Amino acid sequence: MAKWIKLGRYHKILQDVMSAKKDDGIRFNELCALLEMLGCELNRVSDNHQIFSYDNVEEQLDFQTDGKKRSKATSSQVEQTREFIKKYMEV
């Protein structure tokens, strides 16, 4: 329950990710911010390549973007995020 309180404005983005109805309409930077709000750690490899890890989980999320500030996440990135959240997080 505490994670829901901390999410604040990212609650809607979390709902969109988990509902699978807007996989092609989520901004890349919002998806990354959501993961950080949920407790993932971001390790930047370069400007457009980002790896997220979570607690003691070996599996990581490895995302690339075109580097544009307002670019959209790909539907596969949103799907990967959804499956990662379902598998490892209590939301």
PDB file of N, CA and C in Angstrom:
ATOM      1  N   MET A   1       0.819  -1.201   0.000  1.00  0.00           N
ATOM      2  CA  MET A   1       0.000   0.000   0.000  1.00  0.00           C
ATOM      3  C   MET A   1       0.858   1.259   0.000  1.00  0.00           C
ATOM      4  N   ALA A   2       1.994   1.232   0.663  1.00  0.00           N
ATOM      5  CA  ALA A   2       2.848   2.407   0.731  1.00  0.00           C
ATOM      6  C   ALA A   2       3.360   2.807  -0.644  1.00  0.00           C
ATOM      7  N   LYS A   3       3.616   1.838  -1.514  1.00  0.00           N
ATOM      8  CA  LYS A   3       4.082   2.165  -2.853  1.00  0.00           C
ATOM      9  C   LYS A   3       3.046   2.971  -3.608  1.00  0.00           C
ATOM     10  N   TRP A   4       1.775   2.681  -3.419  1.00  0.00           N
ATOM     11  CA  TRP A   4       0.712   3.424  -4.099  1.00  0.00           C
ATOM     12  C   TRP A   4       0.722   4.879  -3.646  1.00  0.00           C
ATOM     13  N   ILE A   5       0.970   5.132  -2.375  1.00  0.00           N
ATOM     14  CA  ILE A   5       1.003   6.496  -1.858  1.00  0.00           C
ATOM     15  C   ILE A   5       2.183   7.252  -2.452  1.00  0.00           C
ATOM     16  N   LYS A   6       3.342   6.635  -2.513  1.00  0.00           N
ATOM     17  CA  LYS A   6       4.532   7.274  -3.050  1.00  0.00           C
ATOM     18  C   LYS A   6       4.419   7.541  -4.545  1.00  0.00           C
ATOM     19  N   LEU A   7       3.639   6.771  -5.262  1.00  0.00           N
ATOM     20  CA  LEU A   7       3.558   6.916  -6.707  1.00  0.00           C
ATOM     21  C   LEU A   7       2.947   8.248  -7.141  1.00  0.00           C
ATOM     22  N   GLY A   8       2.026   8.778  -6.379  1.00  0.00           N
ATOM     23  CA  GLY A   8       1.438  10.069  -6.699  1.00  0.00           C
ATOM     24  C   GLY A   8       0.974  10.171  -8.141  1.00  0.00           C
ATOM     25  N   ARG A   9       1.605  11.055  -8.915  1.00  0.00           N
ATOM     26  CA  ARG A   9       1.169  11.298 -10.286  1.00  0.00           C
ATOM     27  C   ARG A   9       1.469  10.138 -11.226  1.00  0.00           C
ATOM     28  N   TYR A  10       2.275   9.189 -10.812  1.00  0.00           N
ATOM     29  CA  TYR A  10       2.590   8.050 -11.669  1.00  0.00           C
ATOM     30  C   TYR A  10       1.565   6.918 -11.536  1.00  0.00           C
ATOM     31  N   HIS A  11       0.584   7.112 -10.686  1.00  0.00           N
ATOM     32  CA  HIS A  11      -0.462   6.106 -10.502  1.00  0.00           C
ATOM     33  C   HIS A  11      -1.182   5.822 -11.820  1.00  0.00           C
ATOM     34  N   LYS A  12      -1.499   6.864 -12.582  1.00  0.00           N
ATOM     35  CA  LYS A  12      -2.187   6.699 -13.871  1.00  0.00           C
ATOM     36  C   LYS A  12      -1.304   5.952 -14.862  1.00  0.00           C
ATOM     37  N   ILE A  13      -0.029   6.259 -14.885  1.00  0.00           N
ATOM     38  CA  ILE A  13       0.891   5.566 -15.788  1.00  0.00           C
ATOM     39  C   ILE A  13       0.970   4.093 -15.406  1.00  0.00           C
ATOM     40  N   LEU A  14       1.029   3.808 -14.110  1.00  0.00           N
ATOM     41  CA  LEU A  14       1.043   2.418 -13.656  1.00  0.00           C
ATOM     42  C   LEU A  14      -0.232   1.708 -14.099  1.00  0.00           C
ATOM     43  N   GLN A  15      -1.367   2.370 -13.971  1.00  0.00           N
ATOM     44  CA  GLN A  15      -2.626   1.772 -14.420  1.00  0.00           C
ATOM     45  C   GLN A  15      -2.584   1.485 -15.918  1.00  0.00           C
ATOM     46  N   ASP A  16      -2.058   2.423 -16.700  1.00  0.00           N
ATOM     47  CA  ASP A  16      -1.968   2.240 -18.149  1.00  0.00           C
ATOM     48  C   ASP A  16      -1.056   1.069 -18.495  1.00  0.00           C
ATOM     49  N   VAL A  17       0.078   0.964 -17.806  1.00  0.00           N
ATOM     50  CA  VAL A  17       1.016  -0.145 -18.059  1.00  0.00           C
ATOM     51  C   VAL A  17       0.356  -1.468 -17.725  1.00  0.00           C
ATOM     52  N   MET A  18      -0.268  -1.551 -16.575  1.00  0.00           N
ATOM     53  CA  MET A  18      -0.833  -2.814 -16.114  1.00  0.00           C
ATOM     54  C   MET A  18      -2.088  -3.211 -16.883  1.00  0.00           C
ATOM     55  N   SER A  19      -2.800  -2.257 -17.461  1.00  0.00           N
ATOM     56  CA  SER A  19      -4.033  -2.580 -18.183  1.00  0.00           C
ATOM     57  C   SER A  19      -3.768  -3.123 -19.585  1.00  0.00           C
ATOM     58  N   ALA A  20      -2.595  -2.846 -20.130  1.00  0.00           N
ATOM     59  CA  ALA A  20      -2.205  -3.282 -21.484  1.00  0.00           C
ATOM     60  C   ALA A  20      -3.060  -2.655 -22.568  1.00  0.00           C
ATOM     61  N   LYS A  21      -3.728  -1.563 -22.265  1.00  0.00           N
ATOM     62  CA  LYS A  21      -4.590  -0.915 -23.252  1.00  0.00           C
ATOM     63  C   LYS A  21      -3.897   0.225 -23.985  1.00  0.00           C
ATOM     64  N   LYS A  22      -2.804   0.746 -23.429  1.00  0.00           N
ATOM     65  CA  LYS A  22      -2.125   1.892 -24.025  1.00  0.00           C
ATOM     66  C   LYS A  22      -0.629   1.632 -24.188  1.00  0.00           C
ATOM     67  N   ASP A  23      -0.276   0.438 -24.596  1.00  0.00           N
ATOM     68  CA  ASP A  23       1.136   0.085 -24.689  1.00  0.00           C
ATOM     69  C   ASP A  23       1.915   0.958 -25.662  1.00  0.00           C
ATOM     70  N   ASP A  24       1.253   1.561 -26.612  1.00  0.00           N
ATOM     71  CA  ASP A  24       1.952   2.394 -27.584  1.00  0.00           C
ATOM     72  C   ASP A  24       1.806   3.883 -27.289  1.00  0.00           C
ATOM     73  N   GLY A  25       1.279   4.238 -26.129  1.00  0.00           N
ATOM     74  CA  GLY A  25       1.039   5.643 -25.829  1.00  0.00           C
ATOM     75  C   GLY A  25       1.754   6.166 -24.600  1.00  0.00           C
ATOM     76  N   ILE A  26       2.737   5.455 -24.101  1.00  0.00           N
ATOM     77  CA  ILE A  26       3.431   5.851 -22.878  1.00  0.00           C
ATOM     78  C   ILE A  26       4.805   6.413 -23.252  1.00  0.00           C
ATOM     79  N   ARG A  27       5.126   7.555 -22.697  1.00  0.00           N
ATOM     80  CA  ARG A  27       6.426   8.169 -22.975  1.00  0.00           C
ATOM     81  C   ARG A  27       7.543   7.375 -22.299  1.00  0.00           C
ATOM     82  N   PHE A  28       8.663   7.315 -22.979  1.00  0.00           N
ATOM     83  CA  PHE A  28       9.813   6.564 -22.475  1.00  0.00           C
ATOM     84  C   PHE A  28      10.267   7.096 -21.117  1.00  0.00           C
ATOM     85  N   ASN A  29      10.377   8.422 -20.996  1.00  0.00           N
ATOM     86  CA  ASN A  29      10.858   8.988 -19.732  1.00  0.00           C
ATOM     87  C   ASN A  29       9.872   8.743 -18.589  1.00  0.00           C
ATOM     88  N   GLU A  30       8.567   8.682 -18.876  1.00  0.00           N
ATOM     89  CA  GLU A  30       7.583   8.375 -17.835  1.00  0.00           C
ATOM     90  C   GLU A  30       7.677   6.918 -17.403  1.00  0.00           C
ATOM     91  N   LEU A  31       7.935   6.029 -18.353  1.00  0.00           N
ATOM     92  CA  LEU A  31       8.104   4.614 -18.023  1.00  0.00           C
ATOM     93  C   LEU A  31       9.326   4.430 -17.127  1.00  0.00           C
ATOM     94  N   CYS A  32      10.414   5.108 -17.457  1.00  0.00           N
ATOM     95  CA  CYS A  32      11.629   5.036 -16.641  1.00  0.00           C
ATOM     96  C   CYS A  32      11.393   5.599 -15.244  1.00  0.00           C
ATOM     97  N   ALA A  33      10.703   6.731 -15.159  1.00  0.00           N
ATOM     98  CA  ALA A  33      10.408   7.338 -13.857  1.00  0.00           C
ATOM     99  C   ALA A  33       9.519   6.430 -13.022  1.00  0.00           C
ATOM    100  N   LEU A  34       8.563   5.765 -13.646  1.00  0.00           N
ATOM    101  CA  LEU A  34       7.696   4.823 -12.940  1.00  0.00           C
ATOM    102  C   LEU A  34       8.520   3.698 -12.328  1.00  0.00           C
ATOM    103  N   LEU A  35       9.435   3.145 -13.109  1.00  0.00           N
ATOM    104  CA  LEU A  35      10.278   2.064 -12.586  1.00  0.00           C
ATOM    105  C   LEU A  35      11.085   2.523 -11.378  1.00  0.00           C
ATOM    106  N   GLU A  36      11.612   3.730 -11.446  1.00  0.00           N
ATOM    107  CA  GLU A  36      12.369   4.263 -10.307  1.00  0.00           C
ATOM    108  C   GLU A  36      11.466   4.473  -9.096  1.00  0.00           C
ATOM    109  N   MET A  37      10.244   4.946  -9.315  1.00  0.00           N
ATOM    110  CA  MET A  37       9.302   5.135  -8.215  1.00  0.00           C
ATOM    111  C   MET A  37       8.939   3.801  -7.552  1.00  0.00           C
ATOM    112  N   LEU A  38       8.970   2.739  -8.349  1.00  0.00           N
ATOM    113  CA  LEU A  38       8.658   1.411  -7.815  1.00  0.00           C
ATOM    114  C   LEU A  38       9.863   0.754  -7.143  1.00  0.00           C
ATOM    115  N   GLY A  39      11.009   1.428  -7.155  1.00  0.00           N
ATOM    116  CA  GLY A  39      12.173   0.913  -6.438  1.00  0.00           C
ATOM    117  C   GLY A  39      13.270   0.336  -7.302  1.00  0.00           C
ATOM    118  N   CYS A  40      13.146   0.453  -8.617  1.00  0.00           N
ATOM    119  CA  CYS A  40      14.211  -0.022  -9.497  1.00  0.00           C
ATOM    120  C   CYS A  40      15.372   0.956  -9.486  1.00  0.00           C
ATOM    121  N   GLU A  41      16.553   0.430  -9.706  1.00  0.00           N
ATOM    122  CA  GLU A  41      17.744   1.263  -9.782  1.00  0.00           C
ATOM    123  C   GLU A  41      18.143   1.413 -11.241  1.00  0.00           C
ATOM    124  N   LEU A  42      18.423   2.627 -11.646  1.00  0.00           N
ATOM    125  CA  LEU A  42      18.803   2.918 -13.021  1.00  0.00           C
ATOM    126  C   LEU A  42      20.314   3.005 -13.138  1.00  0.00           C
ATOM    127  N   ASN A  43      20.863   2.262 -14.108  1.00  0.00           N
ATOM    128  CA  ASN A  43      22.286   2.335 -14.435  1.00  0.00           C
ATOM    129  C   ASN A  43      22.385   2.771 -15.882  1.00  0.00           C
ATOM    130  N   ARG A  44      22.839   3.986 -16.109  1.00  0.00           N
ATOM    131  CA  ARG A  44      22.971   4.490 -17.482  1.00  0.00           C
ATOM    132  C   ARG A  44      24.263   3.979 -18.087  1.00  0.00           C
ATOM    133  N   VAL A  45      24.125   3.379 -19.245  1.00  0.00           N
ATOM    134  CA  VAL A  45      25.281   2.922 -19.992  1.00  0.00           C
ATOM    135  C   VAL A  45      25.715   4.015 -20.958  1.00  0.00           C
ATOM    136  N   SER A  46      24.748   4.689 -21.571  1.00  0.00           N
ATOM    137  CA  SER A  46      25.001   5.847 -22.426  1.00  0.00           C
ATOM    138  C   SER A  46      23.732   6.688 -22.443  1.00  0.00           C
ATOM    139  N   ASP A  47      23.712   7.713 -23.246  1.00  0.00           N
ATOM    140  CA  ASP A  47      22.542   8.598 -23.268  1.00  0.00           C
ATOM    141  C   ASP A  47      21.251   7.892 -23.651  1.00  0.00           C
ATOM    142  N   ASN A  48      21.337   6.886 -24.512  1.00  0.00           N
ATOM    143  CA  ASN A  48      20.104   6.255 -24.983  1.00  0.00           C
ATOM    144  C   ASN A  48      19.968   4.787 -24.590  1.00  0.00           C
ATOM    145  N   HIS A  49      20.805   4.280 -23.736  1.00  0.00           N
ATOM    146  CA  HIS A  49      20.773   2.878 -23.324  1.00  0.00           C
ATOM    147  C   HIS A  49      20.699   2.834 -21.807  1.00  0.00           C
ATOM    148  N   GLN A  50      19.620   2.245 -21.270  1.00  0.00           N
ATOM    149  CA  GLN A  50      19.421   2.239 -19.824  1.00  0.00           C
ATOM    150  C   GLN A  50      19.077   0.836 -19.336  1.00  0.00           C
ATOM    151  N   ILE A  51      19.687   0.476 -18.218  1.00  0.00           N
ATOM    152  CA  ILE A  51      19.438  -0.832 -17.606  1.00  0.00           C
ATOM    153  C   ILE A  51      18.870  -0.600 -16.213  1.00  0.00           C
ATOM    154  N   PHE A  52      17.751  -1.271 -15.924  1.00  0.00           N
ATOM    155  CA  PHE A  52      17.116  -1.173 -14.619  1.00  0.00           C
ATOM    156  C   PHE A  52      17.270  -2.498 -13.883  1.00  0.00           C
ATOM    157  N   SER A  53      17.618  -2.408 -12.604  1.00  0.00           N
ATOM    158  CA  SER A  53      17.686  -3.601 -11.762  1.00  0.00           C
ATOM    159  C   SER A  53      16.778  -3.377 -10.550  1.00  0.00           C
ATOM    160  N   TYR A  54      16.433  -4.478  -9.891  1.00  0.00           N
ATOM    161  CA  TYR A  54      15.511  -4.400  -8.764  1.00  0.00           C
ATOM    162  C   TYR A  54      15.957  -5.343  -7.664  1.00  0.00           C
ATOM    163  N   ASP A  55      16.148  -4.790  -6.466  1.00  0.00           N
ATOM    164  CA  ASP A  55      16.536  -5.550  -5.273  1.00  0.00           C
ATOM    165  C   ASP A  55      17.558  -6.636  -5.594  1.00  0.00           C
ATOM    166  N   ASN A  56      17.269  -7.852  -5.226  1.00  0.00           N
ATOM    167  CA  ASN A  56      18.204  -8.965  -5.452  1.00  0.00           C
ATOM    168  C   ASN A  56      17.776  -9.830  -6.635  1.00  0.00           C
ATOM    169  N   VAL A  57      17.102  -9.246  -7.588  1.00  0.00           N
ATOM    170  CA  VAL A  57      16.615  -9.961  -8.760  1.00  0.00           C
ATOM    171  C   VAL A  57      17.689  -9.946  -9.838  1.00  0.00           C
ATOM    172  N   GLU A  58      18.031 -11.115 -10.368  1.00  0.00           N
ATOM    173  CA  GLU A  58      19.058 -11.189 -11.408  1.00  0.00           C
ATOM    174  C   GLU A  58      18.576 -10.616 -12.735  1.00  0.00           C
ATOM    175  N   GLU A  59      17.304 -10.827 -13.061  1.00  0.00           N
ATOM    176  CA  GLU A  59      16.745 -10.312 -14.313  1.00  0.00           C
ATOM    177  C   GLU A  59      16.758  -8.781 -14.294  1.00  0.00           C
ATOM    178  N   GLN A  60      17.097  -8.196 -15.427  1.00  0.00           N
ATOM    179  CA  GLN A  60      17.128  -6.745 -15.547  1.00  0.00           C
ATOM    180  C   GLN A  60      16.313  -6.309 -16.756  1.00  0.00           C
ATOM    181  N   LEU A  61      15.900  -5.061 -16.733  1.00  0.00           N
ATOM    182  CA  LEU A  61      15.229  -4.465 -17.887  1.00  0.00           C
ATOM    183  C   LEU A  61      16.266  -3.625 -18.625  1.00  0.00           C
ATOM    184  N   ASP A  62      16.434  -3.896 -19.891  1.00  0.00           N
ATOM    185  CA  ASP A  62      17.435  -3.223 -20.712  1.00  0.00           C
ATOM    186  C   ASP A  62      16.715  -2.496 -21.842  1.00  0.00           C
ATOM    187  N   PHE A  63      16.654  -1.170 -21.756  1.00  0.00           N
ATOM    188  CA  PHE A  63      15.889  -0.369 -22.713  1.00  0.00           C
ATOM    189  C   PHE A  63      16.788   0.586 -23.480  1.00  0.00           C
ATOM    190  N   GLN A  64      16.424   0.811 -24.725  1.00  0.00           N
ATOM    191  CA  GLN A  64      17.077   1.826 -25.541  1.00  0.00           C
ATOM    192  C   GLN A  64      16.013   2.779 -26.065  1.00  0.00           C
ATOM    193  N   THR A  65      16.395   4.033 -26.246  1.00  0.00           N
ATOM    194  CA  THR A  65      15.500   5.037 -26.815  1.00  0.00           C
ATOM    195  C   THR A  65      16.235   5.784 -27.910  1.00  0.00           C
ATOM    196  N   ASP A  66      15.491   6.530 -28.677  1.00  0.00           N
ATOM    197  CA  ASP A  66      16.112   7.295 -29.759  1.00  0.00           C
ATOM    198  C   ASP A  66      16.806   8.556 -29.244  1.00  0.00           C
ATOM    199  N   GLY A  67      16.726   8.816 -27.954  1.00  0.00           N
ATOM    200  CA  GLY A  67      17.400   9.951 -27.350  1.00  0.00           C
ATOM    201  C   GLY A  67      16.585  11.236 -27.350  1.00  0.00           C
ATOM    202  N   LYS A  68      15.442  11.246 -28.008  1.00  0.00           N
ATOM    203  CA  LYS A  68      14.597  12.437 -28.017  1.00  0.00           C
ATOM    204  C   LYS A  68      13.881  12.544 -26.678  1.00  0.00           C
ATOM    205  N   LYS A  69      13.755  13.753 -26.183  1.00  0.00           N
ATOM    206  CA  LYS A  69      13.223  13.978 -24.849  1.00  0.00           C
ATOM    207  C   LYS A  69      11.799  13.464 -24.664  1.00  0.00           C
ATOM    208  N   ARG A  70      10.952  13.587 -25.666  1.00  0.00           N
ATOM    209  CA  ARG A  70       9.545  13.221 -25.530  1.00  0.00           C
ATOM    210  C   ARG A  70       9.191  11.966 -26.327  1.00  0.00           C
ATOM    211  N   SER A  71      10.157  11.093 -26.550  1.00  0.00           N
ATOM    212  CA  SER A  71       9.893   9.899 -27.345  1.00  0.00           C
ATOM    213  C   SER A  71       9.007   8.916 -26.586  1.00  0.00           C
ATOM    214  N   LYS A  72       8.311   8.100 -27.335  1.00  0.00           N
ATOM    215  CA  LYS A  72       7.412   7.097 -26.755  1.00  0.00           C
ATOM    216  C   LYS A  72       8.184   5.799 -26.507  1.00  0.00           C
ATOM    217  N   ALA A  73       7.784   5.097 -25.479  1.00  0.00           N
ATOM    218  CA  ALA A  73       8.318   3.758 -25.239  1.00  0.00           C
ATOM    219  C   ALA A  73       7.709   2.828 -26.276  1.00  0.00           C
ATOM    220  N   THR A  74       8.437   1.820 -26.665  1.00  0.00           N
ATOM    221  CA  THR A  74       7.878   0.851 -27.598  1.00  0.00           C
ATOM    222  C   THR A  74       6.889  -0.038 -26.847  1.00  0.00           C
ATOM    223  N   SER A  75       5.983  -0.641 -27.586  1.00  0.00           N
ATOM    224  CA  SER A  75       5.006  -1.524 -26.941  1.00  0.00           C
ATOM    225  C   SER A  75       5.708  -2.711 -26.282  1.00  0.00           C
ATOM    226  N   SER A  76       6.815  -3.173 -26.840  1.00  0.00           N
ATOM    227  CA  SER A  76       7.541  -4.291 -26.216  1.00  0.00           C
ATOM    228  C   SER A  76       8.202  -3.858 -24.906  1.00  0.00           C
ATOM    229  N   GLN A  77       8.663  -2.605 -24.807  1.00  0.00           N
ATOM    230  CA  GLN A  77       9.229  -2.113 -23.549  1.00  0.00           C
ATOM    231  C   GLN A  77       8.158  -2.034 -22.468  1.00  0.00           C
ATOM    232  N   VAL A  78       6.973  -1.590 -22.849  1.00  0.00           N
ATOM    233  CA  VAL A  78       5.870  -1.510 -21.889  1.00  0.00           C
ATOM    234  C   VAL A  78       5.456  -2.916 -21.463  1.00  0.00           C
ATOM    235  N   GLU A  79       5.406  -3.838 -22.406  1.00  0.00           N
ATOM    236  CA  GLU A  79       5.057  -5.223 -22.085  1.00  0.00           C
ATOM    237  C   GLU A  79       6.095  -5.850 -21.157  1.00  0.00           C
ATOM    238  N   GLN A  80       7.365  -5.627 -21.432  1.00  0.00           N
ATOM    239  CA  GLN A  80       8.435  -6.137 -20.563  1.00  0.00           C
ATOM    240  C   GLN A  80       8.286  -5.574 -19.157  1.00  0.00           C
ATOM    241  N   THR A  81       7.992  -4.288 -19.065  1.00  0.00           N
ATOM    242  CA  THR A  81       7.814  -3.641 -17.764  1.00  0.00           C
ATOM    243  C   THR A  81       6.648  -4.262 -17.015  1.00  0.00           C
ATOM    244  N   ARG A  82       5.536  -4.465 -17.699  1.00  0.00           N
ATOM    245  CA  ARG A  82       4.352  -5.064 -17.078  1.00  0.00           C
ATOM    246  C   ARG A  82       4.670  -6.460 -16.520  1.00  0.00           C
ATOM    247  N   GLU A  83       5.334  -7.279 -17.324  1.00  0.00           N
ATOM    248  CA  GLU A  83       5.668  -8.629 -16.888  1.00  0.00           C
ATOM    249  C   GLU A  83       6.653  -8.609 -15.720  1.00  0.00           C
ATOM    250  N   PHE A  84       7.595  -7.685 -15.743  1.00  0.00           N
ATOM    251  CA  PHE A  84       8.571  -7.532 -14.657  1.00  0.00           C
ATOM    252  C   PHE A  84       7.856  -7.140 -13.359  1.00  0.00           C
ATOM    253  N   ILE A  85       6.931  -6.195 -13.455  1.00  0.00           N
ATOM    254  CA  ILE A  85       6.173  -5.756 -12.276  1.00  0.00           C
ATOM    255  C   ILE A  85       5.348  -6.913 -11.721  1.00  0.00           C
ATOM    256  N   LYS A  86       4.666  -7.647 -12.585  1.00  0.00           N
ATOM    257  CA  LYS A  86       3.849  -8.785 -12.144  1.00  0.00           C
ATOM    258  C   LYS A  86       4.701  -9.847 -11.449  1.00  0.00           C
ATOM    259  N   LYS A  87       5.878 -10.068 -11.995  1.00  0.00           N
ATOM    260  CA  LYS A  87       6.740 -11.147 -11.498  1.00  0.00           C
ATOM    261  C   LYS A  87       7.441 -10.815 -10.182  1.00  0.00           C
ATOM    262  N   TYR A  88       7.876  -9.557 -10.020  1.00  0.00           N
ATOM    263  CA  TYR A  88       8.751  -9.238  -8.903  1.00  0.00           C
ATOM    264  C   TYR A  88       8.233  -8.227  -7.900  1.00  0.00           C
ATOM    265  N   MET A  89       7.195  -7.492  -8.239  1.00  0.00           N
ATOM    266  CA  MET A  89       6.766  -6.396  -7.363  1.00  0.00           C
ATOM    267  C   MET A  89       5.348  -6.609  -6.851  1.00  0.00           C
ATOM    268  N   GLU A  90       5.096  -6.064  -5.688  1.00  0.00           N
ATOM    269  CA  GLU A  90       3.765  -6.133  -5.094  1.00  0.00           C
ATOM    270  C   GLU A  90       3.075  -4.804  -5.297  1.00  0.00           C
ATOM    271  N   VAL A  91       2.367  -4.677  -6.424  1.00  0.00           N
ATOM    272  CA  VAL A  91       1.604  -3.446  -6.677  1.00  0.00           C
ATOM    273  C   VAL A  91       0.163  -3.798  -6.967  1.00  0.00           C
TER     274      VAL A  91
END
